[in-house]
Amino acid sequence: MNKLLKPSESQSEKVVAPIATSEYQVGRLIGVGGFSSVYEVSSFSLHESFSQGMTQPEQLAREYLSKHIVQTYRRYCHTKKKVDGHEYEINRYAVKRLRHELAQDEDRFERAAIDLILEGQLLCTMNHPNIIGLRGWNGAGADAFRSLVYSDYFLILDRLVESLDERIEDWRGLLRKYRSRLAFPWLKQKAMTKIHNLFRARIQVAHDLASAIEYMHDRRIINRDIKAANIGFCAKGVLKCYDFGLSRFLPEKMVDGGYEMSPVGTKLFMAPEVRAKKTYGLPADVYSYGVVLWQVLSLASPRDGLATHSRAKIEEENLKDCWLPICSCWPDDLQELVRVCLASNPRGRPSMTQVRSFLDGYLQGFWSTTDQQRWRRTLLRDSTVEARHITVESKTSLLTPEDL
């Protein structure tokens, strides 16, 4: 199992710092998952005896961790508690380790341990600005699990300060705030500029997520659990994908146009072929991405999009193409992108390279003349998806002062 945790130099040039369990101190609890808990790392106390026999890059990586434990954090999104631009210090790193309850069930402990080992293996082979960074792990490697002590194996990761779910809530509040100013002529132009910039920021998030998934797919890695709750932002405001416990390298053998893998993930984000327990592949991630893209555009939850579909129906049946309501006020090309990503047939979905390339062009050109004309007509009209009776928060999002 040690080989599983030690990638060859051909796989990655990243150096991960070996850390002993006694060399770090945990702070407050940040989050809890099905198998793991995440705590902030409050400090490091490195032991010189433990570093004997390590390579120079590993020793330098250990020293860097201990010397850069704190960083300045500027709040990028508006909330009721904090003002935009406020700066304060936070601990830079977080530690992910198994939940202590698992030690009472050896079978569950073993499954969780394997997932955490595989997550460490995957992270140390990836180096992308939109994928969370692995900074350290137990120097004993997989042997640390032999004691069945939940805290003996861990991953030290970059700490994230906000999830995409939280940012969507912030966006929704900001959009309401800016729209309320449209009724005042002296505030209208400034409000429209802010609405325009907010929409561009949302498209940038969709682009960065597509870039991260494309990077994984290029390395034959399937995520299998793409959702807003597994997407966050670091202290610099950069999007980061995290929680790769269900991610795997694709098998070598393809069966019936897919791969034989267990049907895992989050129900509302699962592709139809995964829910149906059929073979599946990278297009399953594209479907999950399509649901997240819908969230970014609508500023709503997939549960809000169920309407005529009960949760039981979602879990038991394959829904038709694009069961989430598409707002007619969205630009035509973005409407079509959501539809093709949510196609029920995996072969009808684009690759993540195609999605990322499209969003590249969209951000550079940003919009067409037809889009501008539509946004003029819908300036003060509510963007309600009549078929599902869901109010989405993206009306007038592309307007600029020149359109008024």
Protein backbone atom coordinates (compact mmCIF):
# COMPACT_ATOMS: atom_id res chain seq x y z
CA MET A 1 0.00 0.00 0.00
CA ASN A 2 2.95 2.34 0.42
CA LYS A 3 3.46 2.36 -3.34
CA LEU A 4 -0.09 3.59 -3.69
CA LEU A 5 0.87 6.73 -1.81
CA LYS A 6 4.23 7.41 -3.41
CA PRO A 7 3.80 8.59 -7.01
CA SER A 8 6.74 8.27 -9.32
CA GLU A 9 8.53 11.36 -10.56
CA SER A 10 6.94 10.83 -13.96
CA GLN A 11 3.50 11.23 -12.39
CA SER A 12 4.14 14.49 -10.60
CA GLU A 13 6.85 16.93 -9.63
CA LYS A 14 4.93 18.01 -6.54
CA VAL A 15 6.66 17.44 -3.21
CA VAL A 16 4.37 16.54 -0.32
CA ALA A 17 5.73 17.14 3.17
CA PRO A 18 5.89 14.04 5.41
CA ILE A 19 4.48 15.01 8.80
CA ALA A 20 4.24 12.98 12.01
CA THR A 21 0.95 12.84 13.89
CA SER A 22 2.55 14.59 16.87
CA GLU A 23 3.93 17.46 14.75
CA TYR A 24 0.69 19.34 14.13
CA GLN A 25 -2.00 20.73 16.42
CA VAL A 26 -5.63 20.97 15.37
CA GLY A 27 -7.89 23.95 15.90
CA ARG A 28 -11.62 24.22 15.41
CA LEU A 29 -13.71 21.80 13.40
CA ILE A 30 -14.38 23.11 9.87
CA GLY A 31 -16.55 20.38 8.37
CA VAL A 32 -17.70 16.77 8.64
CA GLY A 33 -18.25 14.31 5.78
CA GLY A 34 -19.45 10.74 5.56
CA PHE A 35 -16.09 9.27 6.59
CA SER A 36 -13.84 12.22 7.40
CA SER A 37 -13.63 15.33 9.54
CA VAL A 38 -11.73 18.49 8.60
CA TYR A 39 -10.04 20.71 11.18
CA GLU A 40 -7.96 23.83 10.85
CA VAL A 41 -4.26 23.35 11.62
CA SER A 42 -3.41 25.79 14.40
CA SER A 43 0.36 25.18 14.48
CA PHE A 44 3.26 22.88 13.59
CA SER A 45 5.98 21.67 15.98
CA LEU A 46 8.51 19.89 13.80
CA HIS A 47 10.84 17.28 15.32
CA GLU A 48 14.34 17.20 13.88
CA SER A 49 14.67 13.48 14.55
CA PHE A 50 11.66 12.71 12.35
CA SER A 51 13.18 14.50 9.34
CA GLN A 52 16.33 12.38 9.31
CA GLY A 53 16.65 10.42 6.09
CA MET A 54 14.28 12.70 4.16
CA THR A 55 15.24 14.29 0.88
CA GLN A 56 16.10 17.98 0.81
CA PRO A 57 12.86 18.92 -1.06
CA GLU A 58 10.82 17.10 1.61
CA GLN A 59 12.65 18.93 4.40
CA LEU A 60 12.09 22.27 2.66
CA ALA A 61 8.40 21.46 2.24
CA ARG A 62 8.13 20.75 5.97
CA GLU A 63 9.84 24.03 6.86
CA TYR A 64 7.58 25.97 4.51
CA LEU A 65 4.47 24.55 6.19
CA SER A 66 5.64 25.54 9.66
CA LYS A 67 6.69 29.07 8.64
CA HIS A 68 3.60 29.96 6.62
CA ILE A 69 0.81 28.82 8.90
CA VAL A 70 -1.02 32.17 8.84
CA GLN A 71 -2.20 34.23 5.87
CA THR A 72 -4.22 37.39 5.30
CA TYR A 73 -7.77 36.83 4.12
CA ARG A 74 -9.84 39.45 2.30
CA ARG A 75 -13.55 38.79 2.13
CA TYR A 76 -14.53 38.80 -1.55
CA CYS A 77 -18.28 38.36 -1.24
CA HIS A 78 -20.82 40.48 0.56
CA THR A 79 -22.48 39.03 3.64
CA LYS A 80 -24.49 40.51 6.46
CA LYS A 81 -21.69 39.84 8.93
CA LYS A 82 -18.68 41.12 7.01
CA VAL A 83 -18.05 44.05 4.72
CA ASP A 84 -16.40 43.64 1.31
CA GLY A 85 -12.64 44.13 1.45
CA HIS A 86 -12.24 43.57 5.19
CA GLU A 87 -8.90 41.89 5.96
CA TYR A 88 -8.10 39.51 8.78
CA GLU A 89 -5.76 36.61 9.45
CA ILE A 90 -6.66 32.94 9.21
CA ASN A 91 -4.75 29.68 9.45
CA ARG A 92 -3.60 28.63 5.99
CA TYR A 93 -3.99 24.84 6.27
CA ALA A 94 -6.58 22.25 7.19
CA VAL A 95 -6.18 18.59 8.11
CA LYS A 96 -8.52 15.87 6.86
CA ARG A 97 -8.64 12.66 8.84
CA LEU A 98 -11.04 9.81 9.48
CA ARG A 99 -13.91 10.28 11.91
CA HIS A 100 -13.20 8.70 15.27
CA GLU A 101 -16.48 6.70 15.21
CA LEU A 102 -15.12 4.58 12.35
CA ALA A 103 -12.59 2.90 14.64
CA GLN A 104 -15.50 0.93 16.14
CA ASP A 105 -16.32 -0.71 12.80
CA GLU A 106 -13.31 -2.34 11.19
CA ASP A 107 -14.99 -2.89 7.80
CA ARG A 108 -16.13 0.74 7.47
CA PHE A 109 -12.74 1.91 8.73
CA GLU A 110 -10.99 -0.10 6.02
CA ARG A 111 -13.22 1.29 3.25
CA ALA A 112 -12.78 4.85 4.49
CA ALA A 113 -9.03 4.37 4.81
CA ILE A 114 -8.76 3.16 1.22
CA ASP A 115 -10.76 6.17 0.00
CA LEU A 116 -8.50 8.56 1.91
CA ILE A 117 -5.37 6.84 0.59
CA LEU A 118 -6.67 7.04 -2.98
CA GLU A 119 -7.57 10.69 -2.49
CA GLY A 120 -4.01 11.37 -1.38
CA GLN A 121 -2.65 9.51 -4.38
CA LEU A 122 -4.84 11.46 -6.79
CA LEU A 123 -4.06 14.83 -5.24
CA CYS A 124 -0.32 14.32 -5.34
CA THR A 125 -0.51 13.63 -9.09
CA MET A 126 -2.51 16.80 -9.82
CA ASN A 127 -1.24 20.35 -10.00
CA HIS A 128 -3.90 22.77 -11.20
CA PRO A 129 -4.82 26.26 -9.91
CA ASN A 130 -8.46 25.21 -9.47
CA ILE A 131 -7.80 21.96 -7.59
CA ILE A 132 -7.08 22.04 -3.87
CA GLY A 133 -3.41 21.59 -3.00
CA LEU A 134 -2.10 18.64 -0.99
CA ARG A 135 0.66 19.97 1.29
CA GLY A 136 1.41 17.15 3.72
CA TRP A 137 0.51 13.66 4.92
CA ASN A 138 1.56 11.08 7.46
CA GLY A 139 5.19 10.18 6.90
CA ALA A 140 4.41 6.53 7.67
CA GLY A 141 2.16 6.31 4.61
CA ALA A 142 -0.50 3.61 4.48
CA ASP A 143 1.20 1.75 7.34
CA ALA A 144 -0.32 4.37 9.65
CA PHE A 145 -3.68 2.61 9.27
CA ARG A 146 -2.51 -0.66 10.76
CA SER A 147 -3.14 0.62 14.28
CA LEU A 148 -6.82 1.35 13.45
CA VAL A 149 -6.37 4.75 15.11
CA TYR A 150 -8.47 7.29 13.21
CA SER A 151 -6.00 10.17 13.60
CA ASP A 152 -2.88 8.26 12.52
CA TYR A 153 -3.42 8.94 8.83
CA PHE A 154 -4.29 12.38 7.53
CA LEU A 155 -3.99 14.79 4.62
CA ILE A 156 -2.89 18.39 5.12
CA LEU A 157 -4.64 20.58 2.56
CA ASP A 158 -5.02 24.23 1.69
CA ARG A 159 -7.78 25.71 3.77
CA LEU A 160 -10.86 26.99 1.96
CA VAL A 161 -12.90 29.86 3.36
CA GLU A 162 -16.16 29.56 1.43
CA SER A 163 -18.16 26.97 -0.52
CA LEU A 164 -19.91 27.53 -3.83
CA ASP A 165 -23.24 27.04 -2.05
CA GLU A 166 -22.38 29.97 0.22
CA ARG A 167 -21.20 32.11 -2.67
CA ILE A 168 -24.42 31.45 -4.60
CA GLU A 169 -26.34 32.71 -1.58
CA ASP A 170 -24.14 35.81 -1.54
CA TRP A 171 -24.70 36.37 -5.26
CA ARG A 172 -28.44 36.11 -4.77
CA GLY A 173 -28.35 38.76 -2.04
CA LEU A 174 -26.17 41.07 -4.11
CA LEU A 175 -28.42 40.74 -7.15
CA ARG A 176 -31.49 41.67 -5.13
CA LYS A 177 -29.62 44.63 -3.69
CA TYR A 178 -28.52 45.93 -7.10
CA ARG A 179 -31.94 45.41 -8.66
CA SER A 180 -33.59 47.43 -5.93
CA ARG A 181 -31.55 50.42 -7.13
CA LEU A 182 -32.76 50.24 -10.74
CA ALA A 183 -35.87 52.24 -9.85
CA PHE A 184 -33.73 55.29 -9.00
CA PRO A 185 -32.39 57.12 -12.09
CA TRP A 186 -29.30 58.42 -10.29
CA LEU A 187 -28.35 54.88 -9.20
CA LYS A 188 -29.41 52.96 -12.30
CA GLN A 189 -26.20 53.15 -14.33
CA LYS A 190 -23.97 52.12 -11.45
CA ALA A 191 -26.34 49.29 -10.51
CA MET A 192 -26.35 47.93 -14.06
CA THR A 193 -22.56 47.96 -14.14
CA LYS A 194 -22.48 45.92 -10.94
CA ILE A 195 -25.08 43.47 -12.28
CA HIS A 196 -22.99 43.05 -15.41
CA ASN A 197 -19.80 42.43 -13.41
CA LEU A 198 -21.59 39.99 -11.12
CA PHE A 199 -22.76 37.90 -14.06
CA ARG A 200 -19.27 37.87 -15.51
CA ALA A 201 -17.92 36.65 -12.17
CA ARG A 202 -20.43 33.80 -12.22
CA ILE A 203 -19.42 32.76 -15.75
CA GLN A 204 -15.77 32.90 -14.65
CA VAL A 205 -16.58 30.44 -11.85
CA ALA A 206 -18.25 28.10 -14.37
CA HIS A 207 -15.16 28.39 -16.59
CA ASP A 208 -12.70 27.67 -13.78
CA LEU A 209 -14.68 24.61 -12.71
CA ALA A 210 -14.75 23.34 -16.30
CA SER A 211 -10.98 23.85 -16.52
CA ALA A 212 -10.38 21.77 -13.37
CA ILE A 213 -12.60 18.91 -14.58
CA GLU A 214 -10.98 19.01 -18.02
CA TYR A 215 -7.58 18.67 -16.33
CA MET A 216 -8.76 15.59 -14.45
CA HIS A 217 -10.31 14.01 -17.53
CA ASP A 218 -7.10 14.53 -19.52
CA ARG A 219 -5.42 12.33 -16.89
CA ARG A 220 -8.16 9.67 -17.05
CA ILE A 221 -9.48 10.66 -13.62
CA ILE A 222 -13.24 10.65 -13.08
CA ASN A 223 -14.53 12.75 -10.17
CA ARG A 224 -17.93 11.07 -9.59
CA ASP A 225 -19.08 13.62 -6.99
CA ILE A 226 -19.16 17.04 -8.62
CA LYS A 227 -21.53 19.33 -6.72
CA ALA A 228 -21.56 22.84 -5.30
CA ALA A 229 -20.82 21.53 -1.80
CA ASN A 230 -17.50 20.10 -3.08
CA ILE A 231 -16.41 23.36 -4.68
CA GLY A 232 -14.89 26.12 -2.60
CA PHE A 233 -12.76 29.24 -2.65
CA CYS A 234 -9.41 29.92 -1.03
CA ALA A 235 -8.47 33.10 0.83
CA LYS A 236 -7.47 34.73 -2.48
CA GLY A 237 -10.91 34.09 -3.95
CA VAL A 238 -9.73 31.37 -6.38
CA LEU A 239 -12.10 28.47 -7.06
CA LYS A 240 -10.87 25.10 -5.79
CA CYS A 241 -12.35 21.63 -6.32
CA TYR A 242 -11.96 19.42 -3.28
CA ASP A 243 -13.10 16.13 -1.72
CA PHE A 244 -11.85 13.49 -4.14
CA GLY A 245 -12.76 10.52 -1.96
CA LEU A 246 -14.93 9.01 -4.71
CA SER A 247 -12.60 9.92 -7.59
CA ARG A 248 -10.84 7.12 -9.43
CA PHE A 249 -8.51 6.47 -12.33
CA LEU A 250 -10.55 5.01 -15.18
CA PRO A 251 -10.25 1.24 -15.64
CA GLU A 252 -8.41 0.02 -18.72
CA LYS A 253 -11.28 -2.09 -20.03
CA MET A 254 -14.39 -0.45 -21.50
CA VAL A 255 -17.71 -2.32 -21.49
CA ASP A 256 -20.76 -1.23 -23.54
CA GLY A 257 -19.38 2.24 -24.09
CA GLY A 258 -18.59 2.77 -20.40
CA TYR A 259 -16.70 1.39 -17.45
CA GLU A 260 -17.84 -0.97 -14.73
CA MET A 261 -17.78 1.15 -11.59
CA SER A 262 -20.01 1.36 -8.54
CA PRO A 263 -22.89 3.87 -8.82
CA VAL A 264 -21.78 6.51 -6.32
CA GLY A 265 -22.36 10.24 -5.94
CA THR A 266 -25.12 12.60 -4.86
CA LYS A 267 -28.56 11.72 -6.25
CA LEU A 268 -29.57 15.09 -7.68
CA PHE A 269 -26.21 15.42 -9.44
CA MET A 270 -26.02 11.84 -10.74
CA ALA A 271 -26.17 11.15 -14.45
CA PRO A 272 -29.08 8.91 -15.58
CA GLU A 273 -26.74 6.04 -16.45
CA VAL A 274 -25.24 6.15 -12.94
CA ARG A 275 -28.68 6.16 -11.28
CA ALA A 276 -29.66 3.22 -13.49
CA LYS A 277 -26.52 1.33 -12.37
CA LYS A 278 -25.23 0.98 -15.92
CA THR A 279 -21.66 1.33 -17.10
CA TYR A 280 -20.53 4.94 -17.28
CA GLY A 281 -17.52 7.13 -17.91
CA LEU A 282 -16.37 10.74 -18.12
CA PRO A 283 -19.71 12.02 -19.53
CA ALA A 284 -21.20 11.33 -16.08
CA ASP A 285 -19.03 14.17 -14.75
CA VAL A 286 -20.26 16.41 -17.57
CA TYR A 287 -23.84 15.82 -16.43
CA SER A 288 -22.97 16.72 -12.84
CA TYR A 289 -21.21 19.83 -14.13
CA GLY A 290 -24.39 20.75 -16.01
CA VAL A 291 -26.35 20.74 -12.75
CA VAL A 292 -23.76 23.02 -11.11
CA LEU A 293 -23.82 25.30 -14.17
CA TRP A 294 -27.60 25.52 -13.82
CA GLN A 295 -27.12 26.55 -10.18
CA VAL A 296 -24.65 29.28 -11.14
CA LEU A 297 -27.07 30.69 -13.74
CA SER A 298 -30.28 30.35 -11.73
CA LEU A 299 -28.82 30.97 -8.26
CA ALA A 300 -31.16 28.23 -7.06
CA SER A 301 -30.84 24.69 -5.72
CA PRO A 302 -31.57 21.61 -7.85
CA ARG A 303 -34.23 20.74 -5.28
CA ASP A 304 -36.03 23.93 -6.34
CA GLY A 305 -36.05 22.59 -9.88
CA LEU A 306 -37.90 19.40 -9.06
CA ALA A 307 -41.39 20.93 -9.17
CA THR A 308 -43.41 18.10 -10.74
CA HIS A 309 -40.70 15.55 -9.93
CA SER A 310 -40.62 14.22 -6.39
CA ARG A 311 -37.34 13.25 -4.75
CA ALA A 312 -38.41 9.60 -4.88
CA LYS A 313 -38.94 9.90 -8.64
CA ILE A 314 -35.46 11.37 -9.04
CA GLU A 315 -33.97 8.38 -7.25
CA GLU A 316 -36.05 5.66 -8.87
CA GLU A 317 -36.51 6.82 -12.46
CA ASN A 318 -34.48 8.28 -15.26
CA LEU A 319 -35.79 11.77 -15.88
CA LYS A 320 -36.11 13.28 -19.34
CA ASP A 321 -33.48 15.51 -20.87
CA CYS A 322 -32.88 18.69 -18.93
CA TRP A 323 -35.38 18.16 -16.12
CA LEU A 324 -34.18 21.43 -14.60
CA PRO A 325 -36.13 24.47 -15.86
CA ILE A 326 -34.27 26.70 -18.31
CA CYS A 327 -35.00 30.43 -18.09
CA SER A 328 -35.79 31.96 -21.48
CA CYS A 329 -34.01 35.17 -20.48
CA TRP A 330 -30.62 33.46 -20.35
CA PRO A 331 -28.47 33.93 -23.46
CA ASP A 332 -29.36 31.32 -26.09
CA ASP A 333 -25.89 29.77 -26.15
CA LEU A 334 -25.86 29.29 -22.36
CA GLN A 335 -29.34 27.75 -22.49
CA GLU A 336 -28.08 25.29 -25.08
CA LEU A 337 -24.94 24.53 -23.08
CA VAL A 338 -27.02 23.56 -20.04
CA ARG A 339 -29.29 21.39 -22.21
CA VAL A 340 -26.49 19.43 -23.87
CA CYS A 341 -24.64 18.90 -20.58
CA LEU A 342 -27.85 17.47 -19.10
CA ALA A 343 -28.62 15.22 -22.07
CA SER A 344 -29.86 11.80 -20.94
CA ASN A 345 -27.72 10.07 -23.58
CA PRO A 346 -24.03 10.25 -22.58
CA ARG A 347 -23.04 10.44 -26.25
CA GLY A 348 -25.04 13.64 -26.60
CA ARG A 349 -22.97 15.48 -24.00
CA PRO A 350 -19.92 17.58 -24.90
CA SER A 351 -16.46 16.90 -23.53
CA MET A 352 -15.16 19.18 -20.79
CA THR A 353 -12.59 20.49 -23.28
CA GLN A 354 -15.45 21.65 -25.50
CA VAL A 355 -17.24 23.22 -22.52
CA ARG A 356 -14.13 25.04 -21.32
CA SER A 357 -13.30 26.20 -24.85
CA PHE A 358 -16.83 27.55 -25.29
CA LEU A 359 -16.67 29.48 -22.01
CA ASP A 360 -13.24 30.82 -23.00
CA GLY A 361 -14.78 32.37 -26.08
CA TYR A 362 -17.85 33.48 -24.18
CA LEU A 363 -15.76 35.40 -21.65
CA GLN A 364 -13.66 37.01 -24.37
CA GLY A 365 -16.57 38.07 -26.58
CA PHE A 366 -18.98 38.03 -23.66
CA TRP A 367 -22.20 38.49 -25.64
CA SER A 368 -23.78 38.95 -29.04
CA THR A 369 -25.95 41.74 -30.44
CA THR A 370 -28.98 39.45 -30.20
CA ASP A 371 -28.32 38.95 -26.50
CA GLN A 372 -28.12 42.71 -25.96
CA GLN A 373 -31.48 43.24 -27.64
CA ARG A 374 -33.12 40.54 -25.53
CA TRP A 375 -31.74 41.99 -22.31
CA ARG A 376 -33.13 45.42 -23.20
CA ARG A 377 -36.60 43.89 -23.54
CA THR A 378 -36.32 42.00 -20.24
CA LEU A 379 -34.76 44.80 -18.21
CA LEU A 380 -37.58 45.14 -15.69
CA ARG A 381 -39.38 41.86 -16.32
CA ASP A 382 -39.25 39.08 -13.74
CA SER A 383 -37.34 36.05 -14.97
CA THR A 384 -39.73 33.34 -13.86
CA VAL A 385 -39.66 29.87 -15.34
CA GLU A 386 -43.39 29.47 -15.83
CA ALA A 387 -43.41 25.72 -16.32
CA ARG A 388 -41.81 25.11 -12.93
CA HIS A 389 -42.89 28.28 -11.09
CA ILE A 390 -39.35 28.94 -9.94
CA THR A 391 -38.01 32.47 -9.78
CA VAL A 392 -34.42 32.50 -10.96
CA GLU A 393 -32.08 35.28 -10.06
CA SER A 394 -30.37 35.96 -13.37
CA LYS A 395 -32.61 38.55 -15.04
CA THR A 396 -30.83 41.52 -16.62
CA SER A 397 -27.51 40.00 -15.58
CA LEU A 398 -25.74 40.86 -18.83
CA LEU A 399 -26.81 44.49 -19.20
CA THR A 400 -24.25 47.26 -19.42
CA PRO A 401 -24.78 51.02 -19.11
CA GLU A 402 -24.58 51.27 -22.92
CA ASP A 403 -27.76 49.18 -23.21
CA LEU A 404 -29.89 51.64 -21.23
